[in-house]
Amino acid sequence: MSASFLTSLSEQEFKEFLKSAIKEIIGDDLAKLKSSLPDILNIKEAAAFLKLKITTLYEKTSQKIIPHFKKGNKLYFNRNELEEWIKTGKVKTKQEIEGNAVSYLLTKKNKNNRKNK
């Protein structure tokens, strides 16, 4: 990459270039990591995947907080289900909350207008 290439980009173009390069790098690393993990994880693998202590994971399974399987006295976890479980804890951004509030208020206003007609 030459210096003239970088200086000919606007700030916005440079940011987009960086975003694209970072996504490509991270995407490759994530794909390698996912392909190296089996679909069914034992307790140690699941704890490492979730970055939890094994005792914490045992607590979450006994409280039926986390999806798991039990065969005999062994616990197993489906990697895809763990990913979905993680996603259920998503915290909405301020913009998402504000957007939901505006949508709710507009819907409520439209319903009230229909009732009054």
N, C-alpha and C. Protein backbone atom coordinates (compact mmCIF):
# COMPACT_ATOMS: atom_id res chain seq x y z
N MET A 1 0.85 -1.17 0.00
CA MET A 1 0.00 0.00 0.00
C MET A 1 0.90 1.23 0.00
N SER A 2 0.63 2.12 -0.90
CA SER A 2 1.48 3.30 -1.00
C SER A 2 0.89 4.46 -0.22
N ALA A 3 1.74 5.39 0.13
CA ALA A 3 1.30 6.56 0.89
C ALA A 3 0.35 7.41 0.06
N SER A 4 0.55 7.46 -1.26
CA SER A 4 -0.32 8.28 -2.10
C SER A 4 -1.74 7.71 -2.11
N PHE A 5 -1.88 6.42 -2.01
CA PHE A 5 -3.21 5.80 -1.93
C PHE A 5 -3.95 6.29 -0.69
N LEU A 6 -3.26 6.31 0.44
CA LEU A 6 -3.88 6.74 1.69
C LEU A 6 -4.22 8.22 1.69
N THR A 7 -3.36 9.04 1.12
CA THR A 7 -3.61 10.48 1.13
C THR A 7 -4.68 10.88 0.13
N SER A 8 -4.98 10.04 -0.85
CA SER A 8 -6.00 10.40 -1.83
C SER A 8 -7.41 10.06 -1.33
N LEU A 9 -7.51 9.38 -0.20
CA LEU A 9 -8.82 9.04 0.35
C LEU A 9 -9.33 10.15 1.27
N SER A 10 -10.63 10.35 1.21
CA SER A 10 -11.22 11.27 2.18
C SER A 10 -11.26 10.57 3.53
N GLU A 11 -11.55 11.33 4.57
CA GLU A 11 -11.61 10.74 5.91
C GLU A 11 -12.66 9.64 5.96
N GLN A 12 -13.83 9.89 5.37
CA GLN A 12 -14.91 8.90 5.37
C GLN A 12 -14.51 7.64 4.58
N GLU A 13 -13.88 7.83 3.43
CA GLU A 13 -13.42 6.68 2.63
C GLU A 13 -12.39 5.87 3.40
N PHE A 14 -11.49 6.55 4.10
CA PHE A 14 -10.47 5.86 4.88
C PHE A 14 -11.11 5.05 6.01
N LYS A 15 -12.10 5.63 6.69
CA LYS A 15 -12.81 4.91 7.75
C LYS A 15 -13.49 3.66 7.20
N GLU A 16 -14.14 3.80 6.05
CA GLU A 16 -14.81 2.65 5.42
C GLU A 16 -13.79 1.58 5.03
N PHE A 17 -12.63 2.02 4.52
CA PHE A 17 -11.57 1.08 4.17
C PHE A 17 -11.11 0.30 5.40
N LEU A 18 -10.90 1.03 6.51
CA LEU A 18 -10.47 0.38 7.75
C LEU A 18 -11.53 -0.59 8.27
N LYS A 19 -12.78 -0.17 8.28
CA LYS A 19 -13.87 -1.04 8.73
C LYS A 19 -13.90 -2.33 7.93
N SER A 20 -13.79 -2.19 6.63
CA SER A 20 -13.83 -3.35 5.75
C SER A 20 -12.66 -4.29 6.03
N ALA A 21 -11.47 -3.74 6.21
CA ALA A 21 -10.28 -4.55 6.47
C ALA A 21 -10.39 -5.26 7.81
N ILE A 22 -10.87 -4.54 8.83
CA ILE A 22 -11.02 -5.14 10.16
C ILE A 22 -12.06 -6.26 10.14
N LYS A 23 -13.20 -6.01 9.47
CA LYS A 23 -14.23 -7.05 9.37
C LYS A 23 -13.68 -8.30 8.68
N GLU A 24 -12.89 -8.10 7.66
CA GLU A 24 -12.30 -9.23 6.93
C GLU A 24 -11.37 -10.02 7.84
N ILE A 25 -10.53 -9.33 8.58
CA ILE A 25 -9.57 -10.00 9.47
C ILE A 25 -10.30 -10.73 10.60
N ILE A 26 -11.22 -10.03 11.25
CA ILE A 26 -11.96 -10.64 12.35
C ILE A 26 -12.82 -11.79 11.85
N GLY A 27 -13.44 -11.60 10.70
CA GLY A 27 -14.27 -12.66 10.12
C GLY A 27 -13.49 -13.93 9.88
N ASP A 28 -12.28 -13.80 9.37
CA ASP A 28 -11.42 -14.96 9.12
C ASP A 28 -11.07 -15.66 10.43
N ASP A 29 -10.73 -14.87 11.46
CA ASP A 29 -10.38 -15.44 12.76
C ASP A 29 -11.57 -16.15 13.39
N LEU A 30 -12.75 -15.54 13.31
CA LEU A 30 -13.95 -16.16 13.88
C LEU A 30 -14.30 -17.45 13.15
N ALA A 31 -14.15 -17.44 11.85
CA ALA A 31 -14.45 -18.65 11.08
C ALA A 31 -13.51 -19.79 11.47
N LYS A 32 -12.24 -19.46 11.67
CA LYS A 32 -11.27 -20.48 12.10
C LYS A 32 -11.62 -21.01 13.48
N LEU A 33 -11.98 -20.10 14.39
CA LEU A 33 -12.33 -20.50 15.75
C LEU A 33 -13.57 -21.39 15.75
N LYS A 34 -14.58 -21.01 15.01
CA LYS A 34 -15.82 -21.80 14.96
C LYS A 34 -15.57 -23.17 14.37
N SER A 35 -14.75 -23.23 13.34
CA SER A 35 -14.50 -24.52 12.70
C SER A 35 -13.67 -25.43 13.59
N SER A 36 -12.92 -24.85 14.52
CA SER A 36 -12.09 -25.67 15.40
C SER A 36 -12.89 -26.22 16.59
N LEU A 37 -14.04 -25.61 16.88
CA LEU A 37 -14.88 -26.08 17.98
C LEU A 37 -15.88 -27.11 17.48
N PRO A 38 -16.07 -28.18 18.23
CA PRO A 38 -17.09 -29.15 17.84
C PRO A 38 -18.49 -28.58 18.09
N ASP A 39 -19.50 -29.18 17.50
CA ASP A 39 -20.88 -28.74 17.71
C ASP A 39 -21.36 -29.06 19.12
N ILE A 40 -20.91 -30.18 19.66
CA ILE A 40 -21.28 -30.59 21.02
C ILE A 40 -20.06 -30.41 21.92
N LEU A 41 -20.24 -29.64 22.98
CA LEU A 41 -19.14 -29.32 23.89
C LEU A 41 -19.32 -30.01 25.23
N ASN A 42 -18.21 -30.41 25.84
CA ASN A 42 -18.27 -30.93 27.21
C ASN A 42 -18.21 -29.73 28.16
N ILE A 43 -18.22 -29.99 29.44
CA ILE A 43 -18.28 -28.91 30.43
C ILE A 43 -17.05 -27.99 30.35
N LYS A 44 -15.87 -28.57 30.15
CA LYS A 44 -14.65 -27.75 30.06
C LYS A 44 -14.66 -26.88 28.82
N GLU A 45 -15.04 -27.47 27.69
CA GLU A 45 -15.08 -26.71 26.43
C GLU A 45 -16.12 -25.60 26.51
N ALA A 46 -17.28 -25.91 27.08
CA ALA A 46 -18.35 -24.91 27.20
C ALA A 46 -17.93 -23.77 28.12
N ALA A 47 -17.27 -24.11 29.22
CA ALA A 47 -16.80 -23.07 30.14
C ALA A 47 -15.78 -22.17 29.45
N ALA A 48 -14.88 -22.76 28.69
CA ALA A 48 -13.89 -21.96 27.96
C ALA A 48 -14.57 -21.10 26.90
N PHE A 49 -15.53 -21.67 26.18
CA PHE A 49 -16.25 -20.95 25.13
C PHE A 49 -16.99 -19.75 25.71
N LEU A 50 -17.62 -19.95 26.87
CA LEU A 50 -18.41 -18.89 27.51
C LEU A 50 -17.57 -17.98 28.41
N LYS A 51 -16.31 -18.37 28.61
CA LYS A 51 -15.40 -17.64 29.51
C LYS A 51 -15.99 -17.57 30.92
N LEU A 52 -16.47 -18.73 31.38
CA LEU A 52 -17.02 -18.88 32.73
C LEU A 52 -16.22 -19.93 33.48
N LYS A 53 -16.25 -19.86 34.79
CA LYS A 53 -15.66 -20.93 35.59
C LYS A 53 -16.57 -22.14 35.50
N ILE A 54 -15.98 -23.32 35.62
CA ILE A 54 -16.76 -24.55 35.55
C ILE A 54 -17.82 -24.57 36.65
N THR A 55 -17.47 -24.10 37.84
CA THR A 55 -18.46 -24.09 38.94
C THR A 55 -19.64 -23.18 38.61
N THR A 56 -19.38 -22.06 37.96
CA THR A 56 -20.45 -21.15 37.55
C THR A 56 -21.35 -21.83 36.53
N LEU A 57 -20.75 -22.56 35.62
CA LEU A 57 -21.52 -23.26 34.60
C LEU A 57 -22.38 -24.35 35.23
N TYR A 58 -21.82 -25.07 36.19
CA TYR A 58 -22.62 -26.07 36.92
C TYR A 58 -23.81 -25.40 37.61
N GLU A 59 -23.60 -24.24 38.21
CA GLU A 59 -24.69 -23.52 38.88
C GLU A 59 -25.78 -23.16 37.88
N LYS A 60 -25.38 -22.66 36.71
CA LYS A 60 -26.36 -22.25 35.70
C LYS A 60 -27.14 -23.45 35.15
N THR A 61 -26.49 -24.61 35.07
CA THR A 61 -27.22 -25.79 34.59
C THR A 61 -28.17 -26.30 35.67
N SER A 62 -27.75 -26.29 36.92
CA SER A 62 -28.62 -26.78 37.99
C SER A 62 -29.84 -25.88 38.18
N GLN A 63 -29.68 -24.59 37.88
CA GLN A 63 -30.79 -23.65 37.96
C GLN A 63 -31.59 -23.59 36.66
N LYS A 64 -31.17 -24.42 35.70
CA LYS A 64 -31.80 -24.48 34.37
C LYS A 64 -31.84 -23.11 33.68
N ILE A 65 -30.76 -22.37 33.83
CA ILE A 65 -30.62 -21.05 33.22
C ILE A 65 -30.04 -21.17 31.81
N ILE A 66 -29.22 -22.18 31.61
CA ILE A 66 -28.48 -22.32 30.36
C ILE A 66 -28.87 -23.64 29.69
N PRO A 67 -29.03 -23.65 28.35
CA PRO A 67 -29.41 -24.90 27.67
C PRO A 67 -28.30 -25.93 27.73
N HIS A 68 -28.68 -27.15 28.05
CA HIS A 68 -27.68 -28.23 28.16
C HIS A 68 -28.37 -29.58 28.01
N PHE A 69 -27.55 -30.62 27.91
CA PHE A 69 -28.01 -32.00 27.82
C PHE A 69 -27.30 -32.77 28.91
N LYS A 70 -27.96 -33.79 29.40
CA LYS A 70 -27.33 -34.65 30.40
C LYS A 70 -27.47 -36.09 29.96
N LYS A 71 -26.36 -36.77 29.91
CA LYS A 71 -26.33 -38.19 29.55
C LYS A 71 -25.56 -38.88 30.66
N GLY A 72 -26.27 -39.66 31.48
CA GLY A 72 -25.62 -40.25 32.64
C GLY A 72 -25.28 -39.13 33.61
N ASN A 73 -24.05 -39.08 34.03
CA ASN A 73 -23.63 -37.99 34.92
C ASN A 73 -22.77 -36.95 34.19
N LYS A 74 -22.85 -36.94 32.85
CA LYS A 74 -22.07 -36.00 32.04
C LYS A 74 -22.98 -34.91 31.47
N LEU A 75 -22.45 -33.69 31.43
CA LEU A 75 -23.17 -32.57 30.83
C LEU A 75 -22.58 -32.25 29.47
N TYR A 76 -23.47 -31.93 28.52
CA TYR A 76 -23.06 -31.55 27.18
C TYR A 76 -23.82 -30.31 26.76
N PHE A 77 -23.21 -29.56 25.85
CA PHE A 77 -23.79 -28.30 25.41
C PHE A 77 -23.70 -28.21 23.90
N ASN A 78 -24.76 -27.72 23.27
CA ASN A 78 -24.75 -27.48 21.84
C ASN A 78 -24.20 -26.07 21.63
N ARG A 79 -23.13 -25.96 20.87
CA ARG A 79 -22.47 -24.66 20.67
C ARG A 79 -23.43 -23.63 20.09
N ASN A 80 -24.25 -24.01 19.12
CA ASN A 80 -25.19 -23.07 18.51
C ASN A 80 -26.22 -22.58 19.52
N GLU A 81 -26.68 -23.47 20.40
CA GLU A 81 -27.63 -23.07 21.43
C GLU A 81 -26.98 -22.11 22.43
N LEU A 82 -25.72 -22.33 22.73
CA LEU A 82 -25.01 -21.41 23.63
C LEU A 82 -24.88 -20.03 22.99
N GLU A 83 -24.60 -20.00 21.70
CA GLU A 83 -24.51 -18.72 21.00
C GLU A 83 -25.86 -17.99 21.05
N GLU A 84 -26.94 -18.73 20.81
CA GLU A 84 -28.28 -18.14 20.87
C GLU A 84 -28.59 -17.66 22.29
N TRP A 85 -28.20 -18.43 23.29
CA TRP A 85 -28.42 -18.06 24.68
C TRP A 85 -27.71 -16.75 24.99
N ILE A 86 -26.49 -16.61 24.50
CA ILE A 86 -25.74 -15.37 24.71
C ILE A 86 -26.49 -14.20 24.07
N LYS A 87 -27.01 -14.40 22.87
CA LYS A 87 -27.69 -13.33 22.15
C LYS A 87 -28.98 -12.89 22.84
N THR A 88 -29.59 -13.76 23.63
CA THR A 88 -30.82 -13.36 24.32
C THR A 88 -30.56 -12.31 25.39
N GLY A 89 -29.32 -12.15 25.78
CA GLY A 89 -28.96 -11.15 26.78
C GLY A 89 -28.58 -9.81 26.18
N LYS A 90 -28.90 -9.60 24.91
CA LYS A 90 -28.51 -8.36 24.24
C LYS A 90 -29.13 -7.15 24.94
N VAL A 91 -28.31 -6.16 25.17
CA VAL A 91 -28.76 -4.90 25.74
C VAL A 91 -28.98 -3.93 24.59
N LYS A 92 -30.15 -3.34 24.55
CA LYS A 92 -30.46 -2.42 23.46
C LYS A 92 -29.68 -1.13 23.61
N THR A 93 -29.32 -0.56 22.46
CA THR A 93 -28.64 0.73 22.46
C THR A 93 -29.66 1.83 22.74
N LYS A 94 -29.16 2.99 23.08
CA LYS A 94 -30.03 4.13 23.34
C LYS A 94 -30.88 4.44 22.10
N GLN A 95 -30.28 4.33 20.92
CA GLN A 95 -31.01 4.59 19.68
C GLN A 95 -32.13 3.58 19.48
N GLU A 96 -31.89 2.30 19.78
CA GLU A 96 -32.92 1.29 19.63
C GLU A 96 -34.08 1.56 20.59
N ILE A 97 -33.77 1.92 21.82
CA ILE A 97 -34.81 2.22 22.81
C ILE A 97 -35.64 3.42 22.37
N GLU A 98 -34.95 4.47 21.92
CA GLU A 98 -35.66 5.66 21.46
C GLU A 98 -36.54 5.35 20.25
N GLY A 99 -36.01 4.54 19.33
CA GLY A 99 -36.78 4.14 18.15
C GLY A 99 -38.02 3.36 18.53
N ASN A 100 -37.87 2.44 19.49
CA ASN A 100 -39.02 1.66 19.97
C ASN A 100 -40.05 2.56 20.63
N ALA A 101 -39.58 3.54 21.39
CA ALA A 101 -40.49 4.47 22.06
C ALA A 101 -41.27 5.29 21.05
N VAL A 102 -40.59 5.79 20.04
CA VAL A 102 -41.26 6.58 19.00
C VAL A 102 -42.29 5.72 18.28
N SER A 103 -41.91 4.50 17.92
CA SER A 103 -42.84 3.59 17.23
C SER A 103 -44.07 3.32 18.09
N TYR A 104 -43.84 3.08 19.38
CA TYR A 104 -44.94 2.81 20.30
C TYR A 104 -45.88 4.01 20.38
N LEU A 105 -45.30 5.20 20.54
CA LEU A 105 -46.12 6.40 20.65
C LEU A 105 -46.91 6.67 19.37
N LEU A 106 -46.29 6.45 18.23
CA LEU A 106 -47.00 6.65 16.95
C LEU A 106 -48.13 5.65 16.79
N THR A 107 -47.87 4.40 17.16
CA THR A 107 -48.91 3.36 17.07
C THR A 107 -50.06 3.68 18.01
N LYS A 108 -49.73 4.10 19.23
CA LYS A 108 -50.75 4.43 20.22
C LYS A 108 -51.57 5.63 19.75
N LYS A 109 -50.90 6.63 19.17
CA LYS A 109 -51.59 7.82 18.68
C LYS A 109 -52.54 7.46 17.56
N ASN A 110 -52.10 6.59 16.63
CA ASN A 110 -52.95 6.16 15.53
C ASN A 110 -54.17 5.39 16.03
N LYS A 111 -53.99 4.55 17.03
CA LYS A 111 -55.12 3.79 17.59
C LYS A 111 -56.13 4.73 18.24
N ASN A 112 -55.62 5.74 18.97
CA ASN A 112 -56.50 6.70 19.63
C ASN A 112 -57.27 7.52 18.61
N ASN A 113 -56.61 7.90 17.52
CA ASN A 113 -57.28 8.66 16.46
C ASN A 113 -58.39 7.86 15.82
N ARG A 114 -58.18 6.55 15.63
CA ARG A 114 -59.21 5.68 15.04
C ARG A 114 -60.41 5.54 15.96
N LYS A 115 -60.16 5.45 17.27
CA LYS A 115 -61.24 5.32 18.24
C LYS A 115 -62.12 6.57 18.28
N ASN A 116 -61.47 7.72 18.14
CA ASN A 116 -62.20 8.98 18.25
C ASN A 116 -62.99 9.32 17.01
N LYS A 117 -62.77 8.62 15.91
CA LYS A 117 -63.47 8.94 14.65
C LYS A 117 -64.81 8.29 14.58
